[in-house]
Amino acid sequence: MARILAIDFGTKRTGIAVTDELQIIASGLTTVSTKDLLPFLKDYLKKEVVELFIIGEPKQMNNTVSESETHIIPFIKKLEKAFPGIPIKRVDERFTSKMAFQTMIDSGLKKNQRKNKALVDEISATLILQSYLYSK
């Protein structure tokens, strides 16, 4: 089996998480600068087989799409062009940043460690991926 890769897209940084090859466990991979995201993915896919991209879908509380969707849609088009054989699914990402922050607190990270926004993005991507795995 191949891995599933999740993306928590941000205008500055993007969190990335992947499954193991059996698609059982979601693990944070890294956080990359969004401007370096496509080159990072191209390099990663030279080493690993990915069968599906999961991309967070930011929504408002009333279930309408968030304004950050205007940045995500152009990225998705670039992703589809760069990797035409890999399907993309969207997963509601409401509350993932808050849940990621709470996860950091629960795991005992000190206050200055919890200020690491890159870690929050990576944990958010992991939560998005875990949500997808639970749903299938």
Protein backbone atom coordinates (compact mmCIF):
# COMPACT_ATOMS: atom_id res chain seq x y z
CA MET A 1 0.00 0.00 0.00
CA ALA A 2 0.99 3.60 -0.43
CA ARG A 3 0.89 6.46 2.03
CA ILE A 4 -1.76 9.15 2.39
CA LEU A 5 -0.39 12.67 2.77
CA ALA A 6 -2.31 15.46 4.52
CA ILE A 7 -1.76 19.16 4.07
CA ASP A 8 -2.77 21.93 6.47
CA PHE A 9 -2.29 24.79 4.01
CA GLY A 10 -1.38 28.23 5.29
CA THR A 11 -0.31 31.39 3.51
CA LYS A 12 3.08 31.38 5.31
CA ARG A 13 3.60 27.82 6.56
CA THR A 14 2.05 24.49 5.68
CA GLY A 15 1.87 21.51 7.99
CA ILE A 16 2.30 18.06 6.49
CA ALA A 17 1.38 14.66 7.91
CA VAL A 18 1.55 11.16 6.44
CA THR A 19 0.28 7.70 7.19
CA ASP A 20 2.39 4.61 7.48
CA GLU A 21 2.31 2.34 4.43
CA LEU A 22 -0.60 0.35 5.87
CA GLN A 23 -2.58 3.59 6.31
CA ILE A 24 -3.24 2.94 9.98
CA ILE A 25 -1.27 5.62 11.80
CA ALA A 26 -1.16 9.35 11.05
CA SER A 27 2.12 11.04 11.96
CA GLY A 28 3.34 14.58 11.61
CA LEU A 29 6.01 14.84 8.93
CA THR A 30 7.10 18.47 8.94
CA THR A 31 6.13 22.07 8.39
CA VAL A 32 7.46 23.84 5.31
CA SER A 33 7.35 27.37 4.05
CA THR A 34 4.35 27.53 1.72
CA LYS A 35 6.47 28.99 -1.08
CA ASP A 36 8.59 25.80 -0.90
CA LEU A 37 5.65 23.40 -0.65
CA LEU A 38 5.49 22.09 -4.23
CA PRO A 39 9.27 21.52 -4.49
CA PHE A 40 9.15 19.74 -1.12
CA LEU A 41 6.30 17.49 -2.29
CA LYS A 42 8.06 16.70 -5.58
CA ASP A 43 11.15 15.65 -3.67
CA TYR A 44 9.14 13.63 -1.13
CA LEU A 45 7.24 11.78 -3.85
CA LYS A 46 10.52 10.75 -5.48
CA LYS A 47 11.24 8.74 -2.30
CA GLU A 48 7.77 7.67 -1.15
CA VAL A 49 4.63 6.39 -2.85
CA VAL A 50 1.58 8.52 -2.05
CA GLU A 51 -1.86 7.45 -3.29
CA LEU A 52 -3.99 10.28 -1.93
CA PHE A 53 -3.68 13.90 -0.83
CA ILE A 54 -5.91 15.13 1.98
CA ILE A 55 -6.24 18.90 2.17
CA GLY A 56 -7.87 20.72 5.02
CA GLU A 57 -11.03 22.60 4.14
CA PRO A 58 -11.48 25.62 6.39
CA LYS A 59 -15.11 26.37 7.17
CA GLN A 60 -16.94 28.92 9.23
CA MET A 61 -19.22 27.88 12.08
CA ASN A 62 -22.24 28.23 9.76
CA ASN A 63 -20.63 25.68 7.37
CA THR A 64 -19.69 28.25 4.70
CA VAL A 65 -16.15 28.24 3.34
CA SER A 66 -13.54 30.42 4.99
CA GLU A 67 -11.85 33.28 3.17
CA SER A 68 -8.56 31.35 3.28
CA GLU A 69 -10.12 29.04 0.70
CA THR A 70 -9.21 31.71 -1.89
CA HIS A 71 -5.54 30.78 -1.28
CA ILE A 72 -6.12 27.03 -1.16
CA ILE A 73 -7.96 26.65 -4.49
CA PRO A 74 -5.05 27.96 -6.62
CA PHE A 75 -2.68 25.65 -4.72
CA ILE A 76 -4.96 22.66 -5.40
CA LYS A 77 -4.89 23.48 -9.13
CA LYS A 78 -1.07 23.53 -9.05
CA LEU A 79 -1.03 20.27 -7.09
CA GLU A 80 -3.36 18.59 -9.61
CA LYS A 81 -1.12 19.73 -12.45
CA ALA A 82 2.09 18.57 -10.73
CA PHE A 83 0.66 15.17 -9.67
CA PRO A 84 -2.21 14.34 -12.05
CA GLY A 85 -2.37 10.69 -10.97
CA ILE A 86 -2.96 11.39 -7.27
CA PRO A 87 -6.52 12.19 -6.18
CA ILE A 88 -7.28 14.95 -3.69
CA LYS A 89 -9.91 14.82 -0.96
CA ARG A 90 -10.92 17.66 1.32
CA VAL A 91 -11.53 17.31 5.06
CA ASP A 92 -13.20 19.85 7.33
CA GLU A 93 -10.46 21.39 9.42
CA ARG A 94 -12.53 23.41 11.87
CA PHE A 95 -10.97 23.50 15.33
CA THR A 96 -7.79 21.65 14.33
CA SER A 97 -5.53 24.52 15.41
CA LYS A 98 -7.26 24.73 18.79
CA MET A 99 -7.09 20.95 19.16
CA ALA A 100 -3.41 21.00 18.18
CA PHE A 101 -2.67 23.64 20.81
CA GLN A 102 -4.57 21.62 23.42
CA THR A 103 -2.59 18.52 22.40
CA MET A 104 0.61 20.46 23.04
CA ILE A 105 -0.64 21.43 26.51
CA ASP A 106 -1.77 17.88 27.28
CA SER A 107 1.60 16.47 26.22
CA GLY A 108 3.35 18.72 28.72
CA LEU A 109 5.11 21.14 26.39
CA LYS A 110 6.33 24.26 28.13
CA LYS A 111 4.76 27.62 27.30
CA ASN A 112 7.62 28.80 25.07
CA GLN A 113 7.53 25.49 23.15
CA ARG A 114 3.80 25.96 22.54
CA LYS A 115 4.55 29.24 20.74
CA ASN A 116 6.11 27.21 17.92
CA LYS A 117 3.52 27.83 15.17
CA ALA A 118 5.26 25.35 12.86
CA LEU A 119 4.59 22.59 15.37
CA VAL A 120 0.94 23.65 15.62
CA ASP A 121 0.65 23.41 11.81
CA GLU A 122 2.23 19.94 11.77
CA ILE A 123 -0.06 18.69 14.54
CA SER A 124 -3.05 20.23 12.73
CA ALA A 125 -2.14 18.31 9.57
CA THR A 126 -1.93 15.14 11.66
CA LEU A 127 -5.39 15.79 13.13
CA ILE A 128 -6.82 16.38 9.64
CA LEU A 129 -5.32 13.08 8.48
CA GLN A 130 -6.50 11.23 11.58
CA SER A 131 -10.00 12.59 11.00
CA TYR A 132 -9.94 11.21 7.45
CA LEU A 133 -8.69 7.81 8.64
CA TYR A 134 -11.49 7.61 11.23
CA SER A 135 -14.09 8.44 8.59
CA LYS A 136 -13.16 5.71 6.13
